[in-house]
Amino acid sequence: MSIRKRLSPDESRTAAVVAARELLIETGPQAVTLKAVAGRIGRTHANLLHHFGSASGLQKALARHLSESVCATIAEAVLAQRAGHGSAREIVDLTFDAFDKEGAGALASWMLLSGNEDALDPIVEAVHDLVDRLGPVSESVETMHRSTLTLVLMALGDALLGGPMAKALDLPREAARQTAERFLIDSIARAHATAE
């Protein structure tokens, strides 16, 4: 008989979300089930039901965790760029990686296809909070919102179809990131020109 370490409710939720993120990255969103996550952390399905209420509750917690950690990283890159220590490409790469390598694009698509649209709320809220927290420096709020919308949609689209589309169009895999970088540089330049 194995003895499991007793975890506090917060520790159990955190362990489950970390395991869900690992499963998402390793195998895709369809692998993020209560049973699979419970097995990974040595807990029961019933234990996770107690903490999350349902698989969609776990997905929503995962979406919140992903969006908060990714937005924190992107915020650091934006502030570094504004201070002259970073680049537009770093912001683009972090955003694109969040949707591709970190699995946010696949998770968002899976939640939409499974009818769990409200699980996207944490992602949308985190991006909105990030934009509000950073606030515009020289551009208007509307310009910043439009730039954010464009960058997020480009990153999501690239995560879902970027590889096959680039190949079909005989473009390098980096083409969408290069386009997003040019867009962001131009957007920043226009904002600075308008402010002067």
Protein backbone atom coordinates (compact mmCIF):
# COMPACT_ATOMS: atom_id res chain seq x y z
CA MET A 1 0.00 0.00 0.00
CA SER A 2 1.47 3.34 -1.02
CA ILE A 3 1.14 6.36 1.20
CA ARG A 4 0.39 9.59 -0.58
CA LYS A 5 1.58 12.90 0.76
CA ARG A 6 -1.33 14.92 2.05
CA LEU A 7 -1.66 18.17 0.12
CA SER A 8 -3.57 21.28 1.02
CA PRO A 9 -6.42 22.18 -1.34
CA ASP A 10 -4.26 24.91 -2.93
CA GLU A 11 -1.35 22.51 -3.37
CA SER A 12 -3.66 19.94 -4.98
CA ARG A 13 -5.09 22.49 -7.40
CA THR A 14 -1.62 23.78 -8.28
CA ALA A 15 -0.25 20.26 -8.83
CA ALA A 16 -3.22 19.45 -11.06
CA VAL A 17 -2.83 22.59 -13.15
CA VAL A 18 0.91 22.00 -13.58
CA ALA A 19 0.23 18.40 -14.65
CA ALA A 20 -2.50 19.59 -17.03
CA ARG A 21 -0.07 22.04 -18.61
CA GLU A 22 2.52 19.28 -19.05
CA LEU A 23 -0.09 17.04 -20.71
CA LEU A 24 -1.21 19.91 -22.94
CA ILE A 25 2.33 20.54 -24.18
CA GLU A 26 3.29 16.87 -24.48
CA THR A 27 0.17 15.41 -26.11
CA GLY A 28 -2.34 18.14 -26.88
CA PRO A 29 -5.57 19.42 -25.35
CA GLN A 30 -7.51 16.18 -25.81
CA ALA A 31 -5.16 14.61 -23.24
CA VAL A 32 -6.13 17.09 -20.53
CA THR A 33 -8.76 14.98 -18.80
CA LEU A 34 -9.51 14.64 -15.12
CA LYS A 35 -8.49 10.98 -15.24
CA ALA A 36 -5.15 11.66 -16.95
CA VAL A 37 -4.28 14.57 -14.67
CA ALA A 38 -5.29 12.59 -11.57
CA GLY A 39 -3.10 9.70 -12.69
CA ARG A 40 -0.15 11.99 -13.29
CA ILE A 41 -0.26 13.48 -9.78
CA GLY A 42 -1.30 10.33 -7.93
CA ARG A 43 -4.76 11.52 -7.02
CA THR A 44 -8.23 10.23 -7.81
CA HIS A 45 -10.72 11.42 -10.38
CA ALA A 46 -13.08 12.23 -7.49
CA ASN A 47 -10.39 14.36 -5.84
CA LEU A 48 -10.05 16.51 -8.97
CA LEU A 49 -13.84 16.71 -9.35
CA HIS A 50 -13.92 18.08 -5.81
CA HIS A 51 -11.37 20.79 -6.67
CA PHE A 52 -12.50 21.76 -10.19
CA GLY A 53 -16.10 20.59 -10.46
CA SER A 54 -15.65 19.22 -13.99
CA ALA A 55 -13.18 18.81 -16.83
CA SER A 56 -14.21 22.25 -18.09
CA GLY A 57 -13.39 23.67 -14.65
CA LEU A 58 -9.91 22.16 -14.93
CA GLN A 59 -9.53 23.59 -18.45
CA LYS A 60 -10.57 27.01 -17.21
CA ALA A 61 -8.02 26.83 -14.37
CA LEU A 62 -5.37 25.78 -16.90
CA ALA A 63 -6.32 28.66 -19.20
CA ARG A 64 -6.02 31.08 -16.26
CA HIS A 65 -2.62 29.67 -15.26
CA LEU A 66 -1.30 29.80 -18.83
CA SER A 67 -2.55 33.30 -19.51
CA GLU A 68 -1.24 34.74 -16.24
CA SER A 69 2.25 33.30 -16.64
CA VAL A 70 2.49 34.21 -20.32
CA CYS A 71 1.15 37.73 -19.80
CA ALA A 72 3.65 38.32 -17.00
CA THR A 73 6.49 37.34 -19.34
CA ILE A 74 5.15 39.48 -22.18
CA ALA A 75 4.76 42.45 -19.80
CA GLU A 76 8.44 42.19 -18.89
CA ALA A 77 9.38 42.15 -22.59
CA VAL A 78 7.18 45.17 -23.38
CA LEU A 79 8.65 47.15 -20.49
CA ALA A 80 12.19 46.20 -21.56
CA GLN A 81 11.42 47.26 -25.14
CA ARG A 82 10.04 50.58 -23.93
CA ALA A 83 13.19 51.12 -21.85
CA GLY A 84 15.34 50.43 -24.90
CA HIS A 85 16.59 47.03 -23.69
CA GLY A 86 14.35 44.73 -25.69
CA SER A 87 12.96 44.42 -29.16
CA ALA A 88 9.66 44.10 -30.95
CA ARG A 89 10.77 40.64 -32.08
CA GLU A 90 11.05 39.47 -28.47
CA ILE A 91 7.44 40.53 -27.87
CA VAL A 92 6.35 38.76 -31.06
CA ASP A 93 8.25 35.58 -30.21
CA LEU A 94 6.83 35.43 -26.68
CA THR A 95 3.29 35.95 -27.98
CA PHE A 96 3.64 33.39 -30.77
CA ASP A 97 5.33 30.88 -28.44
CA ALA A 98 2.49 31.26 -25.93
CA PHE A 99 -0.02 30.13 -28.53
CA ASP A 100 2.23 27.53 -30.15
CA LYS A 101 4.83 25.97 -27.84
CA GLU A 102 2.91 26.69 -24.63
CA GLY A 103 -0.28 25.23 -26.11
CA ALA A 104 -2.65 28.18 -25.67
CA GLY A 105 -3.75 28.04 -29.31
CA ALA A 106 -4.56 24.33 -29.18
CA LEU A 107 -6.29 24.73 -25.82
CA ALA A 108 -8.40 27.65 -27.07
CA SER A 109 -9.43 25.72 -30.18
CA TRP A 110 -10.25 22.61 -28.18
CA MET A 111 -12.38 24.57 -25.71
CA LEU A 112 -14.28 26.27 -28.53
CA LEU A 113 -14.89 22.99 -30.36
CA SER A 114 -16.07 21.28 -27.19
CA GLY A 115 -18.51 24.11 -26.40
CA ASN A 116 -16.51 25.32 -23.39
CA GLU A 117 -16.24 28.90 -24.64
CA ASP A 118 -16.43 30.51 -21.21
CA ALA A 119 -13.15 28.75 -20.35
CA LEU A 120 -11.51 31.29 -22.66
CA ASP A 121 -12.55 34.10 -20.33
CA PRO A 122 -9.32 33.92 -18.26
CA ILE A 123 -7.21 34.31 -21.42
CA VAL A 124 -9.23 37.27 -22.68
CA GLU A 125 -9.27 38.86 -19.22
CA ALA A 126 -5.51 38.38 -18.73
CA VAL A 127 -4.71 40.00 -22.08
CA HIS A 128 -7.11 42.87 -21.32
CA ASP A 129 -5.56 43.36 -17.87
CA LEU A 130 -2.07 43.28 -19.39
CA VAL A 131 -2.95 45.99 -21.90
CA ASP A 132 -4.58 48.13 -19.20
CA ARG A 133 -1.66 47.63 -16.81
CA LEU A 134 0.94 48.56 -19.41
CA GLY A 135 -1.13 51.42 -20.75
CA PRO A 136 -0.20 53.34 -23.86
CA VAL A 137 3.03 55.30 -23.80
CA SER A 138 2.77 57.38 -26.92
CA GLU A 139 -0.04 55.68 -28.79
CA SER A 140 -3.74 56.02 -28.08
CA VAL A 141 -5.59 53.37 -26.14
CA GLU A 142 -7.44 52.37 -29.31
CA THR A 143 -4.16 51.97 -31.22
CA MET A 144 -2.74 49.81 -28.46
CA HIS A 145 -5.91 47.70 -28.39
CA ARG A 146 -5.86 47.25 -32.18
CA SER A 147 -2.16 46.31 -32.13
CA THR A 148 -2.78 43.78 -29.36
CA LEU A 149 -5.76 42.28 -31.18
CA THR A 150 -3.78 41.94 -34.40
CA LEU A 151 -0.77 40.38 -32.67
CA VAL A 152 -2.87 37.88 -30.69
CA LEU A 153 -4.89 36.84 -33.74
CA MET A 154 -1.73 36.44 -35.82
CA ALA A 155 -0.15 34.30 -33.09
CA LEU A 156 -3.28 32.15 -32.73
CA GLY A 157 -3.58 31.69 -36.49
CA ASP A 158 0.09 30.82 -36.80
CA ALA A 159 -0.17 28.24 -34.01
CA LEU A 160 -3.08 26.54 -35.75
CA LEU A 161 -2.19 26.83 -39.46
CA GLY A 162 1.18 28.57 -39.74
CA GLY A 163 3.28 25.55 -40.68
CA PRO A 164 1.03 24.14 -43.41
CA MET A 165 0.20 27.60 -44.83
CA ALA A 166 3.84 28.69 -45.00
CA LYS A 167 4.72 25.43 -46.73
CA ALA A 168 1.81 25.70 -49.18
CA LEU A 169 2.82 29.27 -50.04
CA ASP A 170 6.51 28.33 -50.27
CA LEU A 171 7.42 30.74 -47.47
CA PRO A 172 9.81 30.20 -44.58
CA ARG A 173 8.15 28.97 -41.36
CA GLU A 174 9.15 32.27 -39.74
CA ALA A 175 7.18 34.36 -42.26
CA ALA A 176 4.25 35.13 -39.96
CA ARG A 177 6.58 36.13 -37.12
CA GLN A 178 8.54 38.36 -39.49
CA THR A 179 5.29 39.99 -40.66
CA ALA A 180 4.15 40.47 -37.05
CA GLU A 181 7.50 42.00 -36.14
CA ARG A 182 7.29 44.50 -39.02
CA PHE A 183 3.70 45.30 -38.05
CA LEU A 184 4.69 45.94 -34.42
CA ILE A 185 7.72 48.07 -35.35
CA ASP A 186 5.57 50.13 -37.73
CA SER A 187 2.84 50.49 -35.12
CA ILE A 188 5.34 51.72 -32.51
CA ALA A 189 6.94 54.11 -35.01
CA ARG A 190 3.54 55.57 -35.99
CA ALA A 191 2.64 56.02 -32.33
CA HIS A 192 5.89 57.87 -31.63
CA ALA A 193 5.45 60.07 -34.73
CA THR A 194 1.91 60.96 -33.67
CA ALA A 195 3.05 61.84 -30.16
CA GLU A 196 5.71 64.28 -31.41
